PDB file of all heavy atoms in Angstrom:
ATOM      1  N   TYR A   1       0.847  -1.183   0.000  1.00  0.00           N
ATOM      2  CA  TYR A   1       0.000   0.000   0.000  1.00  0.00           C
ATOM      3  C   TYR A   1       0.889   1.242   0.000  1.00  0.00           C
ATOM      4  O   TYR A   1       2.053   1.191   0.393  1.00  0.00           O
ATOM      5  CB  TYR A   1      -0.976  -0.019   1.172  1.00  0.00           C
ATOM      6  CG  TYR A   1      -0.510   0.636   2.452  1.00  0.00           C
ATOM      7  CD1 TYR A   1      -1.219   1.695   2.982  1.00  0.00           C
ATOM      8  CD2 TYR A   1       0.612   0.179   3.135  1.00  0.00           C
ATOM      9  CE1 TYR A   1      -0.817   2.281   4.173  1.00  0.00           C
ATOM     10  CE2 TYR A   1       1.009   0.759   4.321  1.00  0.00           C
ATOM     11  CZ  TYR A   1       0.298   1.811   4.835  1.00  0.00           C
ATOM     12  OH  TYR A   1       0.694   2.394   6.005  1.00  0.00           O
ATOM     13  N   PRO A   2       0.377   2.368  -0.507  1.00  0.00           N
ATOM     14  CA  PRO A   2       1.256   3.505  -0.791  1.00  0.00           C
ATOM     15  C   PRO A   2       1.726   4.245   0.452  1.00  0.00           C
ATOM     16  O   PRO A   2       1.018   4.341   1.440  1.00  0.00           O
ATOM     17  CB  PRO A   2       0.380   4.418  -1.656  1.00  0.00           C
ATOM     18  CG  PRO A   2      -1.013   4.101  -1.236  1.00  0.00           C
ATOM     19  CD  PRO A   2      -1.012   2.629  -0.910  1.00  0.00           C
ATOM     20  N   THR A   3       2.933   4.771   0.361  1.00  0.00           N
ATOM     21  CA  THR A   3       3.461   5.666   1.385  1.00  0.00           C
ATOM     22  C   THR A   3       3.832   6.982   0.716  1.00  0.00           C
ATOM     23  O   THR A   3       3.851   7.091  -0.491  1.00  0.00           O
ATOM     24  CB  THR A   3       4.700   5.056   2.064  1.00  0.00           C
ATOM     25  OG1 THR A   3       5.641   4.680   1.062  1.00  0.00           O
ATOM     26  CG2 THR A   3       4.317   3.846   2.877  1.00  0.00           C
ATOM     27  N   ALA A   4       4.134   7.968   1.525  1.00  0.00           N
ATOM     28  CA  ALA A   4       4.370   9.315   0.996  1.00  0.00           C
ATOM     29  C   ALA A   4       5.598   9.358   0.113  1.00  0.00           C
ATOM     30  O   ALA A   4       6.625   8.751   0.400  1.00  0.00           O
ATOM     31  CB  ALA A   4       4.538  10.297   2.157  1.00  0.00           C
ATOM     32  N   GLY A   5       5.478  10.128  -0.978  1.00  0.00           N
ATOM     33  CA  GLY A   5       6.622  10.444  -1.820  1.00  0.00           C
ATOM     34  C   GLY A   5       7.301   9.257  -2.452  1.00  0.00           C
ATOM     35  O   GLY A   5       8.514   9.246  -2.598  1.00  0.00           O
ATOM     36  N   SER A   6       6.540   8.225  -2.816  1.00  0.00           N
ATOM     37  CA  SER A   6       7.156   7.042  -3.373  1.00  0.00           C
ATOM     38  C   SER A   6       6.538   6.677  -4.700  1.00  0.00           C
ATOM     39  O   SER A   6       5.388   6.995  -4.973  1.00  0.00           O
ATOM     40  CB  SER A   6       7.014   5.869  -2.398  1.00  0.00           C
ATOM     41  OG  SER A   6       5.651   5.545  -2.217  1.00  0.00           O
ATOM     42  N   SER A   7       7.307   5.986  -5.519  1.00  0.00           N
ATOM     43  CA  SER A   7       6.838   5.505  -6.804  1.00  0.00           C
ATOM     44  C   SER A   7       6.408   4.065  -6.663  1.00  0.00           C
ATOM     45  O   SER A   7       7.180   3.215  -6.253  1.00  0.00           O
ATOM     46  CB  SER A   7       7.961   5.606  -7.843  1.00  0.00           C
ATOM     47  OG  SER A   7       7.656   4.848  -8.986  1.00  0.00           O
ATOM     48  N   ALA A   8       5.151   3.782  -6.999  1.00  0.00           N
ATOM     49  CA  ALA A   8       4.619   2.439  -6.822  1.00  0.00           C
ATOM     50  C   ALA A   8       5.400   1.422  -7.643  1.00  0.00           C
ATOM     51  O   ALA A   8       5.673   0.322  -7.188  1.00  0.00           O
ATOM     52  CB  ALA A   8       3.144   2.421  -7.206  1.00  0.00           C
ATOM     53  N   ALA A   9       5.760   1.773  -8.877  1.00  0.00           N
ATOM     54  CA  ALA A   9       6.467   0.835  -9.738  1.00  0.00           C
ATOM     55  C   ALA A   9       7.851   0.523  -9.186  1.00  0.00           C
ATOM     56  O   ALA A   9       8.277  -0.632  -9.130  1.00  0.00           O
ATOM     57  CB  ALA A   9       6.568   1.405 -11.152  1.00  0.00           C
ATOM     58  N   ALA A  10       8.587   1.544  -8.763  1.00  0.00           N
ATOM     59  CA  ALA A  10       9.949   1.343  -8.279  1.00  0.00           C
ATOM     60  C   ALA A  10       9.983   0.631  -6.937  1.00  0.00           C
ATOM     61  O   ALA A  10      10.928  -0.109  -6.645  1.00  0.00           O
ATOM     62  CB  ALA A  10      10.670   2.686  -8.158  1.00  0.00           C
ATOM     63  N   GLU A  11       8.972   0.832  -6.103  1.00  0.00           N
ATOM     64  CA  GLU A  11       9.003   0.292  -4.758  1.00  0.00           C
ATOM     65  C   GLU A  11       8.110  -0.923  -4.572  1.00  0.00           C
ATOM     66  O   GLU A  11       7.896  -1.378  -3.451  1.00  0.00           O
ATOM     67  CB  GLU A  11       8.653   1.390  -3.749  1.00  0.00           C
ATOM     68  CG  GLU A  11       9.659   2.524  -3.774  1.00  0.00           C
ATOM     69  CD  GLU A  11       9.594   3.429  -2.556  1.00  0.00           C
ATOM     70  OE1 GLU A  11       8.781   3.149  -1.663  1.00  0.00           O
ATOM     71  OE2 GLU A  11      10.352   4.402  -2.510  1.00  0.00           O
ATOM     72  N   SER A  12       7.576  -1.471  -5.655  1.00  0.00           N
ATOM     73  CA  SER A  12       6.846  -2.720  -5.550  1.00  0.00           C
ATOM     74  C   SER A  12       7.817  -3.815  -5.118  1.00  0.00           C
ATOM     75  O   SER A  12       9.008  -3.770  -5.421  1.00  0.00           O
ATOM     76  CB  SER A  12       6.156  -3.066  -6.872  1.00  0.00           C
ATOM     77  OG  SER A  12       7.088  -3.086  -7.933  1.00  0.00           O
ATOM     78  N   GLN A  13       7.318  -4.790  -4.419  1.00  0.00           N
ATOM     79  CA  GLN A  13       8.153  -5.852  -3.848  1.00  0.00           C
ATOM     80  C   GLN A  13       7.698  -7.204  -4.394  1.00  0.00           C
ATOM     81  O   GLN A  13       6.592  -7.307  -4.922  1.00  0.00           O
ATOM     82  CB  GLN A  13       8.051  -5.816  -2.322  1.00  0.00           C
ATOM     83  CG  GLN A  13       8.528  -4.501  -1.703  1.00  0.00           C
ATOM     84  CD  GLN A  13       8.464  -4.497  -0.185  1.00  0.00           C
ATOM     85  OE1 GLN A  13       8.711  -5.497   0.479  1.00  0.00           O
ATOM     86  NE2 GLN A  13       8.111  -3.338   0.375  1.00  0.00           N
ATOM     87  N   PRO A  14       8.554  -8.224  -4.267  1.00  0.00           N
ATOM     88  CA  PRO A  14       9.792  -8.347  -3.523  1.00  0.00           C
ATOM     89  C   PRO A  14      10.968  -7.597  -4.172  1.00  0.00           C
ATOM     90  O   PRO A  14      11.035  -7.453  -5.374  1.00  0.00           O
ATOM     91  CB  PRO A  14      10.069  -9.862  -3.549  1.00  0.00           C
ATOM     92  CG  PRO A  14       8.803 -10.510  -3.959  1.00  0.00           C
ATOM     93  CD  PRO A  14       8.116  -9.524  -4.828  1.00  0.00           C
ATOM     94  N   PHE A  15      11.919  -7.171  -3.309  1.00  0.00           N
ATOM     95  CA  PHE A  15      13.184  -6.623  -3.760  1.00  0.00           C
ATOM     96  C   PHE A  15      14.190  -7.771  -3.929  1.00  0.00           C
ATOM     97  O   PHE A  15      14.043  -8.843  -3.326  1.00  0.00           O
ATOM     98  CB  PHE A  15      13.730  -5.610  -2.750  1.00  0.00           C
ATOM     99  CG  PHE A  15      13.051  -4.273  -2.812  1.00  0.00           C
ATOM    100  CD1 PHE A  15      12.280  -3.812  -1.757  1.00  0.00           C
ATOM    101  CD2 PHE A  15      13.186  -3.462  -3.928  1.00  0.00           C
ATOM    102  CE1 PHE A  15      11.658  -2.581  -1.810  1.00  0.00           C
ATOM    103  CE2 PHE A  15      12.570  -2.228  -3.992  1.00  0.00           C
ATOM    104  CZ  PHE A  15      11.798  -1.781  -2.936  1.00  0.00           C
ATOM    105  N   TYR A  16      15.231  -7.504  -4.722  1.00  0.00           N
ATOM    106  CA  TYR A  16      16.203  -8.554  -5.042  1.00  0.00           C
ATOM    107  C   TYR A  16      17.628  -8.022  -4.980  1.00  0.00           C
ATOM    108  O   TYR A  16      17.910  -6.911  -5.426  1.00  0.00           O
ATOM    109  CB  TYR A  16      15.926  -9.092  -6.451  1.00  0.00           C
ATOM    110  CG  TYR A  16      16.990 -10.016  -6.998  1.00  0.00           C
ATOM    111  CD1 TYR A  16      17.127 -11.310  -6.514  1.00  0.00           C
ATOM    112  CD2 TYR A  16      17.854  -9.589  -8.015  1.00  0.00           C
ATOM    113  CE1 TYR A  16      18.099 -12.163  -7.025  1.00  0.00           C
ATOM    114  CE2 TYR A  16      18.831 -10.443  -8.531  1.00  0.00           C
ATOM    115  CZ  TYR A  16      18.946 -11.731  -8.026  1.00  0.00           C
ATOM    116  OH  TYR A  16      19.900 -12.567  -8.526  1.00  0.00           O
ATOM    117  N   VAL A  17      18.522  -8.820  -4.396  1.00  0.00           N
ATOM    118  CA  VAL A  17      19.967  -8.607  -4.529  1.00  0.00           C
ATOM    119  C   VAL A  17      20.588  -9.936  -4.952  1.00  0.00           C
ATOM    120  O   VAL A  17      20.118 -11.005  -4.552  1.00  0.00           O
ATOM    121  CB  VAL A  17      20.624  -8.115  -3.212  1.00  0.00           C
ATOM    122  CG1 VAL A  17      20.182  -6.714  -2.871  1.00  0.00           C
ATOM    123  CG2 VAL A  17      20.350  -9.074  -2.068  1.00  0.00           C
ATOM    124  N   ASN A  18      21.639  -9.870  -5.760  1.00  0.00           N
ATOM    125  CA  ASN A  18      22.163 -11.113  -6.333  1.00  0.00           C
ATOM    126  C   ASN A  18      23.212 -11.792  -5.470  1.00  0.00           C
ATOM    127  O   ASN A  18      23.619 -12.917  -5.765  1.00  0.00           O
ATOM    128  CB  ASN A  18      22.722 -10.860  -7.741  1.00  0.00           C
ATOM    129  CG  ASN A  18      23.999 -10.040  -7.720  1.00  0.00           C
ATOM    130  OD1 ASN A  18      24.295  -9.371  -6.730  1.00  0.00           O
ATOM    131  ND2 ASN A  18      24.749 -10.079  -8.808  1.00  0.00           N
ATOM    132  N   SER A  19      23.680 -11.121  -4.399  1.00  0.00           N
ATOM    133  CA  SER A  19      24.743 -11.712  -3.601  1.00  0.00           C
ATOM    134  C   SER A  19      24.449 -11.528  -2.117  1.00  0.00           C
ATOM    135  O   SER A  19      24.060 -10.430  -1.692  1.00  0.00           O
ATOM    136  CB  SER A  19      26.088 -11.067  -3.948  1.00  0.00           C
ATOM    137  OG  SER A  19      27.132 -11.603  -3.184  1.00  0.00           O
ATOM    138  N   PRO A  20      24.636 -12.586  -1.308  1.00  0.00           N
ATOM    139  CA  PRO A  20      25.010 -13.933  -1.731  1.00  0.00           C
ATOM    140  C   PRO A  20      23.794 -14.770  -2.155  1.00  0.00           C
ATOM    141  O   PRO A  20      22.675 -14.503  -1.706  1.00  0.00           O
ATOM    142  CB  PRO A  20      25.636 -14.519  -0.462  1.00  0.00           C
ATOM    143  CG  PRO A  20      24.896 -13.829   0.655  1.00  0.00           C
ATOM    144  CD  PRO A  20      24.628 -12.431   0.163  1.00  0.00           C
ATOM    145  N   TYR A  21      23.997 -15.701  -2.978  1.00  0.00           N
ATOM    146  CA  TYR A  21      23.016 -16.681  -3.457  1.00  0.00           C
ATOM    147  C   TYR A  21      21.991 -16.111  -4.436  1.00  0.00           C
ATOM    148  O   TYR A  21      21.561 -16.776  -5.360  1.00  0.00           O
ATOM    149  CB  TYR A  21      22.248 -17.329  -2.291  1.00  0.00           C
ATOM    150  CG  TYR A  21      23.107 -18.048  -1.295  1.00  0.00           C
ATOM    151  CD1 TYR A  21      23.204 -17.607   0.020  1.00  0.00           C
ATOM    152  CD2 TYR A  21      23.833 -19.171  -1.666  1.00  0.00           C
ATOM    153  CE1 TYR A  21      23.995 -18.269   0.937  1.00  0.00           C
ATOM    154  CE2 TYR A  21      24.639 -19.841  -0.757  1.00  0.00           C
ATOM    155  CZ  TYR A  21      24.721 -19.390   0.541  1.00  0.00           C
ATOM    156  OH  TYR A  21      25.508 -20.044   1.429  1.00  0.00           O
ATOM    157  N   GLY A  22      21.563 -14.910  -4.207  1.00  0.00           N
ATOM    158  CA  GLY A  22      20.367 -14.368  -4.829  1.00  0.00           C
ATOM    159  C   GLY A  22      19.269 -14.376  -3.782  1.00  0.00           C
ATOM    160  O   GLY A  22      18.733 -15.433  -3.419  1.00  0.00           O
ATOM    161  N   ILE A  23      18.966 -13.201  -3.248  1.00  0.00           N
ATOM    162  CA  ILE A  23      18.008 -13.090  -2.148  1.00  0.00           C
ATOM    163  C   ILE A  23      16.865 -12.175  -2.565  1.00  0.00           C
ATOM    164  O   ILE A  23      17.088 -11.093  -3.108  1.00  0.00           O
ATOM    165  CB  ILE A  23      18.659 -12.511  -0.875  1.00  0.00           C
ATOM    166  CG1 ILE A  23      19.934 -13.279  -0.516  1.00  0.00           C
ATOM    167  CG2 ILE A  23      17.669 -12.546   0.289  1.00  0.00           C
ATOM    168  CD1 ILE A  23      20.704 -12.666   0.642  1.00  0.00           C
ATOM    169  N   LEU A  24      15.649 -12.617  -2.301  1.00  0.00           N
ATOM    170  CA  LEU A  24      14.463 -11.780  -2.497  1.00  0.00           C
ATOM    171  C   LEU A  24      13.778 -11.595  -1.158  1.00  0.00           C
ATOM    172  O   LEU A  24      13.807 -12.477  -0.299  1.00  0.00           O
ATOM    173  CB  LEU A  24      13.500 -12.426  -3.494  1.00  0.00           C
ATOM    174  CG  LEU A  24      14.077 -12.586  -4.898  1.00  0.00           C
ATOM    175  CD1 LEU A  24      14.368 -14.042  -5.162  1.00  0.00           C
ATOM    176  CD2 LEU A  24      13.128 -12.009  -5.930  1.00  0.00           C
ATOM    177  N   MET A  25      13.138 -10.436  -0.991  1.00  0.00           N
ATOM    178  CA  MET A  25      12.517 -10.154   0.293  1.00  0.00           C
ATOM    179  C   MET A  25      11.302  -9.260   0.126  1.00  0.00           C
ATOM    180  O   MET A  25      11.300  -8.318  -0.669  1.00  0.00           O
ATOM    181  CB  MET A  25      13.531  -9.490   1.240  1.00  0.00           C
ATOM    182  CG  MET A  25      13.005  -9.212   2.638  1.00  0.00           C
ATOM    183  SD  MET A  25      14.279  -8.467   3.732  1.00  0.00           S
ATOM    184  CE  MET A  25      15.366  -9.884   3.999  1.00  0.00           C
ATOM    185  N   GLY A  26      10.249  -9.572   0.881  1.00  0.00           N
ATOM    186  CA  GLY A  26       9.082  -8.715   1.027  1.00  0.00           C
ATOM    187  C   GLY A  26       8.894  -8.395   2.499  1.00  0.00           C
ATOM    188  O   GLY A  26       9.157  -9.235   3.370  1.00  0.00           O
ATOM    189  N   HIS A  27       8.417  -7.200   2.785  1.00  0.00           N
ATOM    190  CA  HIS A  27       8.426  -6.696   4.161  1.00  0.00           C
ATOM    191  C   HIS A  27       7.124  -5.983   4.467  1.00  0.00           C
ATOM    192  O   HIS A  27       6.623  -5.203   3.662  1.00  0.00           O
ATOM    193  CB  HIS A  27       9.633  -5.751   4.316  1.00  0.00           C
ATOM    194  CG  HIS A  27       9.582  -4.836   5.505  1.00  0.00           C
ATOM    195  ND1 HIS A  27       9.914  -3.496   5.406  1.00  0.00           N
ATOM    196  CD2 HIS A  27       9.243  -5.053   6.790  1.00  0.00           C
ATOM    197  CE1 HIS A  27       9.799  -2.937   6.601  1.00  0.00           C
ATOM    198  NE2 HIS A  27       9.386  -3.863   7.456  1.00  0.00           N
ATOM    199  N   ASN A  28       6.583  -6.248   5.629  1.00  0.00           N
ATOM    200  CA  ASN A  28       5.435  -5.513   6.143  1.00  0.00           C
ATOM    201  C   ASN A  28       5.863  -4.826   7.426  1.00  0.00           C
ATOM    202  O   ASN A  28       6.241  -5.488   8.397  1.00  0.00           O
ATOM    203  CB  ASN A  28       4.264  -6.462   6.420  1.00  0.00           C
ATOM    204  CG  ASN A  28       3.094  -5.770   7.095  1.00  0.00           C
ATOM    205  OD1 ASN A  28       2.862  -4.586   6.866  1.00  0.00           O
ATOM    206  ND2 ASN A  28       2.363  -6.489   7.926  1.00  0.00           N
ATOM    207  N   GLY A  29       5.825  -3.500   7.450  1.00  0.00           N
ATOM    208  CA  GLY A  29       6.218  -2.768   8.647  1.00  0.00           C
ATOM    209  C   GLY A  29       6.963  -1.501   8.294  1.00  0.00           C
ATOM    210  O   GLY A  29       6.850  -0.972   7.185  1.00  0.00           O
ATOM    211  N   ASN A  30       7.772  -1.018   9.227  1.00  0.00           N
ATOM    212  CA  ASN A  30       8.545   0.201   9.008  1.00  0.00           C
ATOM    213  C   ASN A  30       9.731   0.217   9.952  1.00  0.00           C
ATOM    214  O   ASN A  30       9.589  -0.034  11.152  1.00  0.00           O
ATOM    215  CB  ASN A  30       7.675   1.441   9.264  1.00  0.00           C
ATOM    216  CG  ASN A  30       8.418   2.726   8.997  1.00  0.00           C
ATOM    217  OD1 ASN A  30       8.859   2.978   7.878  1.00  0.00           O
ATOM    218  ND2 ASN A  30       8.584   3.550  10.025  1.00  0.00           N
ATOM    219  N   LEU A  31      10.909   0.501   9.402  1.00  0.00           N
ATOM    220  CA  LEU A  31      12.115   0.626  10.217  1.00  0.00           C
ATOM    221  C   LEU A  31      12.230   2.060  10.701  1.00  0.00           C
ATOM    222  O   LEU A  31      12.270   2.990   9.898  1.00  0.00           O
ATOM    223  CB  LEU A  31      13.358   0.248   9.418  1.00  0.00           C
ATOM    224  CG  LEU A  31      13.414  -1.165   8.850  1.00  0.00           C
ATOM    225  CD1 LEU A  31      14.749  -1.385   8.139  1.00  0.00           C
ATOM    226  CD2 LEU A  31      13.215  -2.207   9.938  1.00  0.00           C
ATOM    227  N   THR A  32      12.319   2.229  12.001  1.00  0.00           N
ATOM    228  CA  THR A  32      12.408   3.582  12.554  1.00  0.00           C
ATOM    229  C   THR A  32      13.823   4.145  12.488  1.00  0.00           C
ATOM    230  O   THR A  32      14.009   5.343  12.668  1.00  0.00           O
ATOM    231  CB  THR A  32      11.911   3.594  14.012  1.00  0.00           C
ATOM    232  OG1 THR A  32      12.595   2.573  14.758  1.00  0.00           O
ATOM    233  CG2 THR A  32      10.408   3.331  14.075  1.00  0.00           C
ATOM    234  N   ASN A  33      14.819   3.308  12.245  1.00  0.00           N
ATOM    235  CA  ASN A  33      16.192   3.791  12.090  1.00  0.00           C
ATOM    236  C   ASN A  33      16.686   3.597  10.662  1.00  0.00           C
ATOM    237  O   ASN A  33      17.872   3.340  10.422  1.00  0.00           O
ATOM    238  CB  ASN A  33      17.131   3.105  13.081  1.00  0.00           C
ATOM    239  CG  ASN A  33      17.269   1.605  12.828  1.00  0.00           C
ATOM    240  OD1 ASN A  33      16.369   0.977  12.269  1.00  0.00           O
ATOM    241  ND2 ASN A  33      18.394   1.041  13.244  1.00  0.00           N
ATOM    242  N   SER A  34      15.780   3.729   9.707  1.00  0.00           N
ATOM    243  CA  SER A  34      16.119   3.486   8.301  1.00  0.00           C
ATOM    244  C   SER A  34      17.214   4.424   7.796  1.00  0.00           C
ATOM    245  O   SER A  34      18.126   3.999   7.076  1.00  0.00           O
ATOM    246  CB  SER A  34      14.870   3.635   7.430  1.00  0.00           C
ATOM    247  OG  SER A  34      15.151   3.408   6.079  1.00  0.00           O
ATOM    248  N   GLU A  35      17.144   5.712   8.163  1.00  0.00           N
ATOM    249  CA  GLU A  35      18.149   6.662   7.675  1.00  0.00           C
ATOM    250  C   GLU A  35      19.542   6.313   8.187  1.00  0.00           C
ATOM    251  O   GLU A  35      20.531   6.392   7.449  1.00  0.00           O
ATOM    252  CB  GLU A  35      17.755   8.082   8.088  1.00  0.00           C
ATOM    253  CG  GLU A  35      16.536   8.613   7.350  1.00  0.00           C
ATOM    254  CD  GLU A  35      16.298  10.085   7.628  1.00  0.00           C
ATOM    255  OE1 GLU A  35      17.149  10.695   8.313  1.00  0.00           O
ATOM    256  OE2 GLU A  35      15.274  10.620   7.173  1.00  0.00           O
ATOM    257  N   GLN A  36      19.637   5.931   9.450  1.00  0.00           N
ATOM    258  CA  GLN A  36      20.934   5.534  10.004  1.00  0.00           C
ATOM    259  C   GLN A  36      21.470   4.306   9.271  1.00  0.00           C
ATOM    260  O   GLN A  36      22.655   4.233   8.919  1.00  0.00           O
ATOM    261  CB  GLN A  36      20.793   5.224  11.491  1.00  0.00           C
ATOM    262  CG  GLN A  36      22.046   4.630  12.128  1.00  0.00           C
ATOM    263  CD  GLN A  36      21.783   4.077  13.514  1.00  0.00           C
ATOM    264  OE1 GLN A  36      20.839   4.473  14.181  1.00  0.00           O
ATOM    265  NE2 GLN A  36      22.606   3.138  13.942  1.00  0.00           N
ATOM    266  N   LEU A  37      20.585   3.334   9.014  1.00  0.00           N
ATOM    267  CA  LEU A  37      21.001   2.122   8.317  1.00  0.00           C
ATOM    268  C   LEU A  37      21.465   2.416   6.893  1.00  0.00           C
ATOM    269  O   LEU A  37      22.426   1.819   6.408  1.00  0.00           O
ATOM    270  CB  LEU A  37      19.852   1.114   8.312  1.00  0.00           C
ATOM    271  CG  LEU A  37      19.504   0.493   9.662  1.00  0.00           C
ATOM    272  CD1 LEU A  37      18.212  -0.308   9.565  1.00  0.00           C
ATOM    273  CD2 LEU A  37      20.639  -0.400  10.167  1.00  0.00           C
ATOM    274  N   GLN A  38      20.786   3.347   6.221  1.00  0.00           N
ATOM    275  CA  GLN A  38      21.208   3.705   4.868  1.00  0.00           C
ATOM    276  C   GLN A  38      22.621   4.274   4.864  1.00  0.00           C
ATOM    277  O   GLN A  38      23.428   3.965   3.967  1.00  0.00           O
ATOM    278  CB  GLN A  38      20.225   4.719   4.273  1.00  0.00           C
ATOM    279  CG  GLN A  38      18.893   4.127   3.863  1.00  0.00           C
ATOM    280  CD  GLN A  38      18.057   5.107   3.071  1.00  0.00           C
ATOM    281  OE1 GLN A  38      18.496   5.627   2.058  1.00  0.00           O
ATOM    282  NE2 GLN A  38      16.846   5.368   3.543  1.00  0.00           N
ATOM    283  N   ARG A  39      22.930   5.102   5.859  1.00  0.00           N
ATOM    284  CA  ARG A  39      24.288   5.655   5.948  1.00  0.00           C
ATOM    285  C   ARG A  39      25.308   4.543   6.181  1.00  0.00           C
ATOM    286  O   ARG A  39      26.375   4.522   5.571  1.00  0.00           O
ATOM    287  CB  ARG A  39      24.369   6.693   7.065  1.00  0.00           C
ATOM    288  CG  ARG A  39      23.623   7.995   6.758  1.00  0.00           C
ATOM    289  CD  ARG A  39      23.996   9.074   7.748  1.00  0.00           C
ATOM    290  NE  ARG A  39      23.655   8.729   9.116  1.00  0.00           N
ATOM    291  CZ  ARG A  39      22.490   9.003   9.699  1.00  0.00           C
ATOM    292  NH1 ARG A  39      21.543   9.627   9.006  1.00  0.00           N
ATOM    293  NH2 ARG A  39      22.261   8.666  10.937  1.00  0.00           N
ATOM    294  N   GLU A  40      24.967   3.604   7.075  1.00  0.00           N
ATOM    295  CA  GLU A  40      25.876   2.499   7.363  1.00  0.00           C
ATOM    296  C   GLU A  40      26.092   1.627   6.136  1.00  0.00           C
ATOM    297  O   GLU A  40      27.216   1.194   5.849  1.00  0.00           O
ATOM    298  CB  GLU A  40      25.318   1.656   8.514  1.00  0.00           C
ATOM    299  CG  GLU A  40      25.289   2.367   9.853  1.00  0.00           C
ATOM    300  CD  GLU A  40      24.622   1.526  10.927  1.00  0.00           C
ATOM    301  OE1 GLU A  40      24.216   0.382  10.610  1.00  0.00           O
ATOM    302  OE2 GLU A  40      24.497   1.994  12.068  1.00  0.00           O
ATOM    303  N   LEU A  41      25.017   1.363   5.416  1.00  0.00           N
ATOM    304  CA  LEU A  41      25.128   0.522   4.224  1.00  0.00           C
ATOM    305  C   LEU A  41      26.015   1.178   3.175  1.00  0.00           C
ATOM    306  O   LEU A  41      26.802   0.513   2.498  1.00  0.00           O
ATOM    307  CB  LEU A  41      23.726   0.247   3.649  1.00  0.00           C
ATOM    308  CG  LEU A  41      22.857  -0.722   4.441  1.00  0.00           C
ATOM    309  CD1 LEU A  41      21.412  -0.671   3.951  1.00  0.00           C
ATOM    310  CD2 LEU A  41      23.396  -2.147   4.341  1.00  0.00           C
ATOM    311  N   PHE A  42      25.895   2.489   3.046  1.00  0.00           N
ATOM    312  CA  PHE A  42      26.679   3.203   2.034  1.00  0.00           C
ATOM    313  C   PHE A  42      28.131   3.377   2.464  1.00  0.00           C
ATOM    314  O   PHE A  42      29.061   3.138   1.680  1.00  0.00           O
ATOM    315  CB  PHE A  42      26.043   4.560   1.753  1.00  0.00           C
ATOM    316  CG  PHE A  42      26.796   5.393   0.750  1.00  0.00           C
ATOM    317  CD1 PHE A  42      26.729   5.087  -0.604  1.00  0.00           C
ATOM    318  CD2 PHE A  42      27.579   6.463   1.156  1.00  0.00           C
ATOM    319  CE1 PHE A  42      27.426   5.844  -1.542  1.00  0.00           C
ATOM    320  CE2 PHE A  42      28.273   7.220   0.230  1.00  0.00           C
ATOM    321  CZ  PHE A  42      28.195   6.914  -1.124  1.00  0.00           C
TER     322      PHE A  42
END
């Protein structure tokens, strides 16, 4: 379901990363420390 300022096509799930193995994920909820995690990931 939609959230603010997002593109439905780009943010439709499951998301995919190819390493390791090839992982797909779908998520229901919200991370309250998402911005901090994005900085750590980058």
